[in-house]
């Protein structure tokens, strides 16, 4: 399990190593076809800032080689904001006085039909809070079966599960799982997640092993930018990705770096990442792992997403509603986070085409099931 691997790496020593990287280290990393973790640390270090244009060109080259001129499109469907956790930065925090909604299967069907009218989406991300008695495995299995006739590719972003539960869901139409570790800083992780199952760091970080062992087709991972030093956090995630590729090599992988937005709890991010730093991180990850899917959500602005489209990003969400029932009506339920890019899916697709790229709505076909 990765938790045992993670204990080999000291957080402070990693931070120090990143800060010690020099221009020479960056130049060596940029001269290599295949990078190690030390090279990755050089590319995300402050020393790499003057090399951003060179990094962008290299990232662009690798992205074209592996993905061509395509952007994969997906849309989230929030089915429940009921949650037993108390994450201090999240609008779904159990302590927040908000309307809790868990969609009925009829409502899920109505949401699917509404999404299909927005654009030819085939990639659906099903999202829920963590409340096992309301939105646990039994409920999610039923949701998958309702959504399957409408979408060829189903991914979930929900509570971490047991291996047998992941496998069970793969037999009900599940293609992928997204899970954000939030931060790899174990000690501070507990401060951000004081109650609920999410407070158990080891259970969450080992969830990726359980996904891989269950044969999940695609695993998405990410850290939440704003909690801890982002350079150290993403280095730990890069180590995690390398570990998963070694042990579950049949699985595809995606990564995301969501920058924190305002939430109902009023949490103020400890760290603020600039657009330039997010671009640097995106380029570094593409140069480090040529095949990983790099995803940007509607947290990011339209102009920034357009600029990064040709330089490393390979998938985007569009038309997102981050509250349960949001596609059919304007519900009372609170959004999980604030959407920055509020354009319609067809508007986003039109911009992608205008930039010389092709929006890809489909990533999986029923013939493979």
Protein backbone atom coordinates (compact mmCIF):
# COMPACT_ATOMS: atom_id res chain seq x y z
CA UNK A 1 0.00 0.00 0.00
CA UNK A 2 1.20 3.49 -0.81
CA UNK A 3 0.94 4.66 2.80
CA UNK A 4 3.99 2.53 3.62
CA UNK A 5 5.82 3.97 0.61
CA UNK A 6 4.92 7.53 1.59
CA UNK A 7 6.52 7.13 5.01
CA UNK A 8 9.90 6.88 3.28
CA UNK A 9 9.71 10.55 2.32
CA UNK A 10 10.06 13.40 4.77
CA UNK A 11 7.91 16.45 4.00
CA UNK A 12 10.43 19.02 5.21
CA UNK A 13 13.34 17.36 3.44
CA UNK A 14 11.35 17.33 0.22
CA UNK A 15 10.55 21.04 0.62
CA UNK A 16 14.23 21.75 1.22
CA UNK A 17 15.28 19.71 -1.82
CA UNK A 18 12.90 21.63 -4.09
CA UNK A 19 14.18 24.96 -2.78
CA UNK A 20 17.80 23.95 -3.41
CA UNK A 21 17.33 23.31 -7.13
CA UNK A 22 19.43 25.48 -9.44
CA UNK A 23 19.24 26.67 -13.02
CA UNK A 24 21.65 23.89 -13.92
CA UNK A 25 19.28 21.30 -12.43
CA UNK A 26 16.47 22.72 -14.57
CA UNK A 27 18.58 22.59 -17.73
CA UNK A 28 19.53 18.96 -17.05
CA UNK A 29 15.85 18.05 -16.56
CA UNK A 30 14.87 19.76 -19.80
CA UNK A 31 17.55 17.85 -21.71
CA UNK A 32 16.12 14.45 -20.74
CA UNK A 33 13.47 12.40 -22.52
CA UNK A 34 12.43 10.64 -19.29
CA UNK A 35 12.53 12.39 -15.92
CA UNK A 36 12.96 11.15 -12.38
CA UNK A 37 11.50 12.78 -9.27
CA UNK A 38 14.56 14.99 -8.78
CA UNK A 39 14.09 16.34 -12.29
CA UNK A 40 10.40 16.97 -11.61
CA UNK A 41 11.30 18.90 -8.45
CA UNK A 42 13.65 21.05 -10.50
CA UNK A 43 10.91 21.92 -12.99
CA UNK A 44 8.45 23.01 -10.29
CA UNK A 45 11.08 24.89 -8.29
CA UNK A 46 11.48 28.68 -8.27
CA UNK A 47 14.67 28.13 -10.30
CA UNK A 48 12.56 27.01 -13.28
CA UNK A 49 10.58 30.23 -13.54
CA UNK A 50 12.89 31.79 -16.18
CA UNK A 51 12.51 28.63 -18.30
CA UNK A 52 8.73 28.77 -18.61
CA UNK A 53 8.70 29.32 -22.38
CA UNK A 54 11.03 26.39 -22.99
CA UNK A 55 8.90 24.23 -20.70
CA UNK A 56 5.74 25.28 -22.54
CA UNK A 57 7.19 24.28 -25.91
CA UNK A 58 8.29 20.90 -24.61
CA UNK A 59 4.94 20.31 -22.91
CA UNK A 60 3.17 21.23 -26.16
CA UNK A 61 5.29 18.75 -28.10
CA UNK A 62 4.63 15.83 -25.77
CA UNK A 63 0.92 16.62 -25.62
CA UNK A 64 0.63 16.60 -29.41
CA UNK A 65 2.57 13.33 -29.64
CA UNK A 66 0.33 11.53 -27.16
CA UNK A 67 -3.08 13.21 -27.54
CA UNK A 68 -3.09 15.07 -30.85
CA UNK A 69 -5.20 18.21 -31.21
CA UNK A 70 -8.02 17.03 -29.00
CA UNK A 71 -9.69 18.09 -25.76
CA UNK A 72 -11.82 15.52 -23.96
CA UNK A 73 -15.08 16.98 -22.64
CA UNK A 74 -16.84 15.90 -19.44
CA UNK A 75 -19.56 17.21 -17.15
CA UNK A 76 -20.20 16.62 -13.43
CA UNK A 77 -23.50 15.42 -12.00
CA UNK A 78 -23.87 16.16 -8.29
CA UNK A 79 -26.26 13.62 -6.81
CA UNK A 80 -25.94 14.41 -3.10
CA UNK A 81 -24.48 17.06 -0.82
CA UNK A 82 -25.17 15.03 2.34
CA UNK A 83 -21.87 14.52 4.12
CA UNK A 84 -20.68 13.29 7.51
CA UNK A 85 -17.28 14.95 7.17
CA UNK A 86 -16.29 18.34 8.52
CA UNK A 87 -13.70 19.50 5.98
CA UNK A 88 -12.97 23.08 6.99
CA UNK A 89 -12.66 24.31 3.40
CA UNK A 90 -15.74 22.67 1.86
CA UNK A 91 -19.27 23.96 1.36
CA UNK A 92 -20.61 20.46 2.08
CA UNK A 93 -19.13 20.56 5.62
CA UNK A 94 -21.51 18.68 7.94
CA UNK A 95 -21.63 21.67 10.29
CA UNK A 96 -22.76 24.13 7.62
CA UNK A 97 -26.48 25.04 7.90
CA UNK A 98 -27.56 24.29 4.34
CA UNK A 99 -30.27 22.35 2.58
CA UNK A 100 -29.16 18.73 2.21
CA UNK A 101 -30.29 17.04 -0.97
CA UNK A 102 -29.87 13.46 -2.17
CA UNK A 103 -31.45 12.98 -5.58
CA UNK A 104 -34.01 10.24 -6.08
CA UNK A 105 -33.45 7.91 -9.02
CA UNK A 106 -36.17 9.73 -10.93
CA UNK A 107 -34.37 13.01 -10.30
CA UNK A 108 -31.09 11.45 -11.44
CA UNK A 109 -32.80 10.39 -14.66
CA UNK A 110 -34.16 13.91 -15.16
CA UNK A 111 -30.69 15.38 -14.62
CA UNK A 112 -29.21 12.97 -17.18
CA UNK A 113 -31.85 14.00 -19.71
CA UNK A 114 -31.18 17.69 -19.04
CA UNK A 115 -27.42 17.20 -19.49
CA UNK A 116 -27.94 15.44 -22.81
CA UNK A 117 -29.70 18.57 -24.06
CA UNK A 118 -26.67 20.71 -23.22
CA UNK A 119 -24.34 18.89 -25.62
CA UNK A 120 -23.31 15.42 -26.85
CA UNK A 121 -21.57 14.50 -23.60
CA UNK A 122 -20.57 10.85 -23.12
CA UNK A 123 -18.24 11.41 -20.16
CA UNK A 124 -20.19 11.89 -16.92
CA UNK A 125 -18.59 12.51 -13.52
CA UNK A 126 -20.95 11.52 -10.70
CA UNK A 127 -20.19 13.44 -7.49
CA UNK A 128 -21.54 13.10 -3.96
CA UNK A 129 -20.68 13.94 -0.39
CA UNK A 130 -19.68 11.15 1.97
CA UNK A 131 -22.73 9.87 3.83
CA UNK A 132 -22.72 6.04 3.57
CA UNK A 133 -26.27 5.48 4.80
CA UNK A 134 -27.67 7.89 2.16
CA UNK A 135 -25.25 7.86 -0.76
CA UNK A 136 -23.23 4.70 -0.17
CA UNK A 137 -22.45 1.79 -2.48
CA UNK A 138 -26.05 0.57 -2.84
CA UNK A 139 -27.24 4.03 -3.87
CA UNK A 140 -24.33 4.62 -6.24
CA UNK A 141 -24.89 1.28 -7.96
CA UNK A 142 -28.48 2.31 -8.68
CA UNK A 143 -27.34 5.74 -9.92
CA UNK A 144 -24.86 4.12 -12.30
CA UNK A 145 -27.56 1.88 -13.74
CA UNK A 146 -29.85 4.88 -14.29
CA UNK A 147 -27.08 6.94 -15.95
CA UNK A 148 -25.63 4.16 -18.10
CA UNK A 149 -28.20 4.34 -20.94
CA UNK A 150 -27.41 8.06 -21.35
CA UNK A 151 -23.59 8.03 -21.14
CA UNK A 152 -20.89 5.64 -22.34
CA UNK A 153 -18.27 6.65 -19.78
CA UNK A 154 -19.14 6.89 -16.08
CA UNK A 155 -16.74 8.13 -13.43
CA UNK A 156 -17.42 8.70 -9.74
CA UNK A 157 -15.97 11.16 -7.23
CA UNK A 158 -17.32 9.89 -3.93
CA UNK A 159 -16.17 8.42 -0.63
CA UNK A 160 -13.22 5.98 -0.71
CA UNK A 161 -14.46 2.38 -0.72
CA UNK A 162 -13.34 -1.17 -0.14
CA UNK A 163 -11.80 -3.06 -3.04
CA UNK A 164 -14.82 -5.33 -3.37
CA UNK A 165 -17.13 -2.32 -3.60
CA UNK A 166 -15.10 -0.77 -6.39
CA UNK A 167 -15.19 -4.07 -8.23
CA UNK A 168 -18.95 -4.34 -7.69
CA UNK A 169 -19.46 -0.93 -9.26
CA UNK A 170 -17.30 -1.81 -12.27
CA UNK A 171 -19.85 -4.56 -12.91
CA UNK A 172 -22.60 -1.92 -12.91
CA UNK A 173 -21.13 0.39 -15.52
CA UNK A 174 -18.33 2.18 -13.67
CA UNK A 175 -15.32 3.14 -15.81
CA UNK A 176 -13.33 5.49 -13.60
CA UNK A 177 -12.81 6.89 -10.11
CA UNK A 178 -11.57 10.35 -9.12
CA UNK A 179 -10.29 10.94 -5.59
CA UNK A 180 -8.49 14.01 -4.30
CA UNK A 181 -6.00 13.32 -1.55
CA UNK A 182 -6.37 17.06 -0.75
CA UNK A 183 -2.88 17.12 0.86
CA UNK A 184 -0.15 14.57 1.50
CA UNK A 185 0.91 16.38 4.69
CA UNK A 186 -0.38 13.77 7.13
CA UNK A 187 -0.13 15.84 10.31
CA UNK A 188 -1.92 18.89 8.91
CA UNK A 189 -4.38 16.70 7.00
CA UNK A 190 -6.04 15.94 10.34
CA UNK A 191 -6.56 19.65 11.01
CA UNK A 192 -8.43 20.08 7.73
CA UNK A 193 -10.53 16.93 8.27
CA UNK A 194 -11.38 16.81 11.98
CA UNK A 195 -14.28 14.31 11.80
CA UNK A 196 -15.84 11.66 9.60
CA UNK A 197 -14.21 8.85 7.63
CA UNK A 198 -12.22 11.38 5.66
CA UNK A 199 -10.24 12.16 8.80
CA UNK A 200 -8.45 8.79 8.44
CA UNK A 201 -5.45 9.69 6.28
CA UNK A 202 -4.25 6.13 5.73
CA UNK A 203 -7.68 4.92 4.55
CA UNK A 204 -7.88 7.69 1.97
CA UNK A 205 -4.35 7.51 0.59
CA UNK A 206 -4.55 3.70 0.26
CA UNK A 207 -7.85 3.99 -1.59
CA UNK A 208 -5.95 4.29 -4.88
CA UNK A 209 -4.44 0.84 -4.29
CA UNK A 210 -7.91 -0.55 -3.77
CA UNK A 211 -9.09 1.04 -7.03
CA UNK A 212 -6.17 -0.45 -8.91
CA UNK A 213 -6.61 -3.90 -7.37
CA UNK A 214 -10.32 -3.81 -8.30
CA UNK A 215 -9.44 -3.23 -11.94
CA UNK A 216 -10.85 0.30 -12.28
CA UNK A 217 -10.15 1.40 -15.86
CA UNK A 218 -9.09 4.97 -15.06
CA UNK A 219 -8.00 6.61 -11.81
CA UNK A 220 -8.00 10.38 -11.28
CA UNK A 221 -5.95 12.00 -8.55
CA UNK A 222 -5.14 15.48 -7.32
CA UNK A 223 -4.23 17.77 -4.45
CA UNK A 224 -6.17 20.84 -3.39
CA UNK A 225 -4.05 23.90 -4.07
CA UNK A 226 -4.39 26.25 -1.12
CA UNK A 227 -3.90 23.95 1.86
CA UNK A 228 -0.14 23.39 2.05
CA UNK A 229 3.00 24.25 0.09
CA UNK A 230 1.93 23.27 -3.40
CA UNK A 231 5.38 22.28 -4.61
CA UNK A 232 5.84 19.71 -1.89
CA UNK A 233 2.29 18.40 -2.24
CA UNK A 234 2.54 17.84 -5.99
CA UNK A 235 5.93 16.15 -5.56
CA UNK A 236 4.30 13.64 -3.21
CA UNK A 237 1.54 13.18 -5.79
CA UNK A 238 4.14 12.58 -8.52
CA UNK A 239 5.68 9.89 -6.33
CA UNK A 240 2.23 8.41 -5.82
CA UNK A 241 1.56 8.39 -9.57
CA UNK A 242 4.86 6.62 -10.24
CA UNK A 243 4.00 4.02 -7.61
CA UNK A 244 0.56 3.39 -9.12
CA UNK A 245 1.97 3.04 -12.63
CA UNK A 246 4.42 0.41 -11.42
CA UNK A 247 1.83 -1.60 -9.56
CA UNK A 248 -1.34 -1.12 -11.65
CA UNK A 249 0.06 -0.65 -15.14
CA UNK A 250 -3.16 -1.63 -16.92
CA UNK A 251 -4.92 1.41 -15.47
CA UNK A 252 -5.04 4.87 -17.08
CA UNK A 253 -4.41 7.95 -14.94
CA UNK A 254 -5.49 11.58 -14.82
CA UNK A 255 -4.48 14.48 -12.57
CA UNK A 256 -6.05 17.76 -11.57
CA UNK A 257 -4.82 20.75 -9.57
CA UNK A 258 -7.93 22.59 -8.34
CA UNK A 259 -7.17 25.98 -6.88
CA UNK A 260 -9.35 26.75 -3.91
CA UNK A 261 -12.45 28.89 -4.44
CA UNK A 262 -14.63 30.52 -1.79
CA UNK A 263 -16.85 28.05 0.09
CA UNK A 264 -19.74 28.37 2.53
CA UNK A 265 -17.48 27.72 5.49
CA UNK A 266 -15.55 30.90 4.75
CA UNK A 267 -12.16 29.17 4.72
CA UNK A 268 -9.29 31.34 3.48
CA UNK A 269 -6.61 29.43 1.53
CA UNK A 270 -3.22 29.26 3.21
CA UNK A 271 -1.48 29.28 -0.18
CA UNK A 272 -2.44 31.25 -3.30
CA UNK A 273 -1.13 29.91 -6.61
CA UNK A 274 -0.75 32.36 -9.49
CA UNK A 275 -1.68 31.58 -13.10
CA UNK A 276 2.00 31.52 -13.95
CA UNK A 277 2.69 28.93 -11.24
CA UNK A 278 -0.22 26.75 -12.36
CA UNK A 279 1.13 26.89 -15.90
CA UNK A 280 4.58 25.90 -14.63
CA UNK A 281 3.10 22.96 -12.73
CA UNK A 282 1.09 21.83 -15.75
CA UNK A 283 4.15 21.92 -18.02
CA UNK A 284 6.28 20.11 -15.43
CA UNK A 285 3.78 17.27 -15.07
CA UNK A 286 3.44 16.84 -18.83
CA UNK A 287 7.22 16.69 -19.25
CA UNK A 288 7.43 14.27 -16.31
CA UNK A 289 4.62 11.97 -17.47
CA UNK A 290 3.87 12.20 -21.19
CA UNK A 291 0.76 10.00 -21.02
CA UNK A 292 -1.16 11.32 -18.03
CA UNK A 293 -4.46 13.09 -18.70
CA UNK A 294 -4.31 16.64 -17.29
CA UNK A 295 -7.73 18.06 -16.49
CA UNK A 296 -8.92 21.62 -15.83
CA UNK A 297 -12.37 22.20 -14.35
CA UNK A 298 -14.65 25.23 -14.50
CA UNK A 299 -12.88 26.58 -11.42
CA UNK A 300 -10.46 28.17 -13.92
CA UNK A 301 -11.28 31.21 -16.05
CA UNK A 302 -12.18 30.91 -19.75
CA UNK A 303 -9.10 32.84 -20.89
CA UNK A 304 -6.69 30.77 -18.83
CA UNK A 305 -8.24 27.50 -19.96
CA UNK A 306 -7.97 28.63 -23.59
CA UNK A 307 -4.30 29.55 -23.17
CA UNK A 308 -3.44 26.22 -21.55
CA UNK A 309 -5.39 24.10 -24.01
CA UNK A 310 -2.50 23.86 -26.46
CA UNK A 311 0.18 23.53 -23.82
CA UNK A 312 -0.61 20.43 -21.79
CA UNK A 313 -4.26 20.26 -20.76
CA UNK A 314 -6.14 17.34 -22.33
CA UNK A 315 -9.59 17.35 -20.71
CA UNK A 316 -12.04 20.00 -19.50
CA UNK A 317 -15.43 20.19 -17.89
CA UNK A 318 -18.07 22.55 -19.27
CA UNK A 319 -21.51 23.74 -18.25
CA UNK A 320 -20.92 22.54 -14.69
CA UNK A 321 -23.51 22.81 -11.93
CA UNK A 322 -22.03 21.98 -8.53
CA UNK A 323 -25.26 21.51 -6.59
CA UNK A 324 -27.61 18.50 -6.69
CA UNK A 325 -30.47 19.04 -9.14
CA UNK A 326 -28.80 22.04 -10.76
CA UNK A 327 -29.39 21.05 -14.38
CA UNK A 328 -33.17 20.71 -14.11
CA UNK A 329 -33.87 23.72 -11.91
CA UNK A 330 -32.32 26.30 -9.63
CA UNK A 331 -32.36 24.40 -6.32
CA UNK A 332 -31.94 25.69 -2.80
CA UNK A 333 -28.95 23.42 -2.24
CA UNK A 334 -25.58 25.14 -1.93
CA UNK A 335 -22.84 24.82 -4.55
CA UNK A 336 -19.73 22.95 -3.43
CA UNK A 337 -17.50 25.60 -4.99
CA UNK A 338 -17.84 28.70 -7.13
CA UNK A 339 -17.79 28.16 -10.90
CA UNK A 340 -15.55 30.64 -12.76
CA UNK A 341 -16.17 29.50 -16.34
CA UNK A 342 -19.96 29.71 -16.70
CA UNK A 343 -20.13 29.30 -20.49
CA UNK A 344 -22.36 26.65 -22.04
CA UNK A 345 -20.76 23.41 -23.29
CA UNK A 346 -21.40 24.41 -26.90
CA UNK A 347 -19.72 27.78 -26.36
CA UNK A 348 -16.66 26.03 -24.91
CA UNK A 349 -16.66 23.55 -27.80
CA UNK A 350 -16.87 26.40 -30.32
CA UNK A 351 -13.81 28.05 -28.78
CA UNK A 352 -11.89 24.76 -28.86
CA UNK A 353 -12.64 24.43 -32.58
CA UNK A 354 -11.71 28.05 -33.20
CA UNK A 355 -8.30 27.35 -31.69
CA UNK A 356 -7.72 24.50 -34.11
CA UNK A 357 -8.53 21.67 -31.72
CA UNK A 358 -11.31 19.10 -31.67
CA UNK A 359 -13.66 18.63 -28.69
CA UNK A 360 -13.99 14.91 -27.98
CA UNK A 361 -17.22 14.01 -26.22
CA UNK A 362 -16.66 10.25 -26.07
CA UNK A 363 -13.94 8.24 -24.34
CA UNK A 364 -15.53 4.81 -23.97
CA UNK A 365 -17.95 2.69 -25.92
CA UNK A 366 -20.56 0.17 -24.80
CA UNK A 367 -18.96 -2.39 -27.10
CA UNK A 368 -16.07 -2.68 -24.62
CA UNK A 369 -18.33 -3.55 -21.67
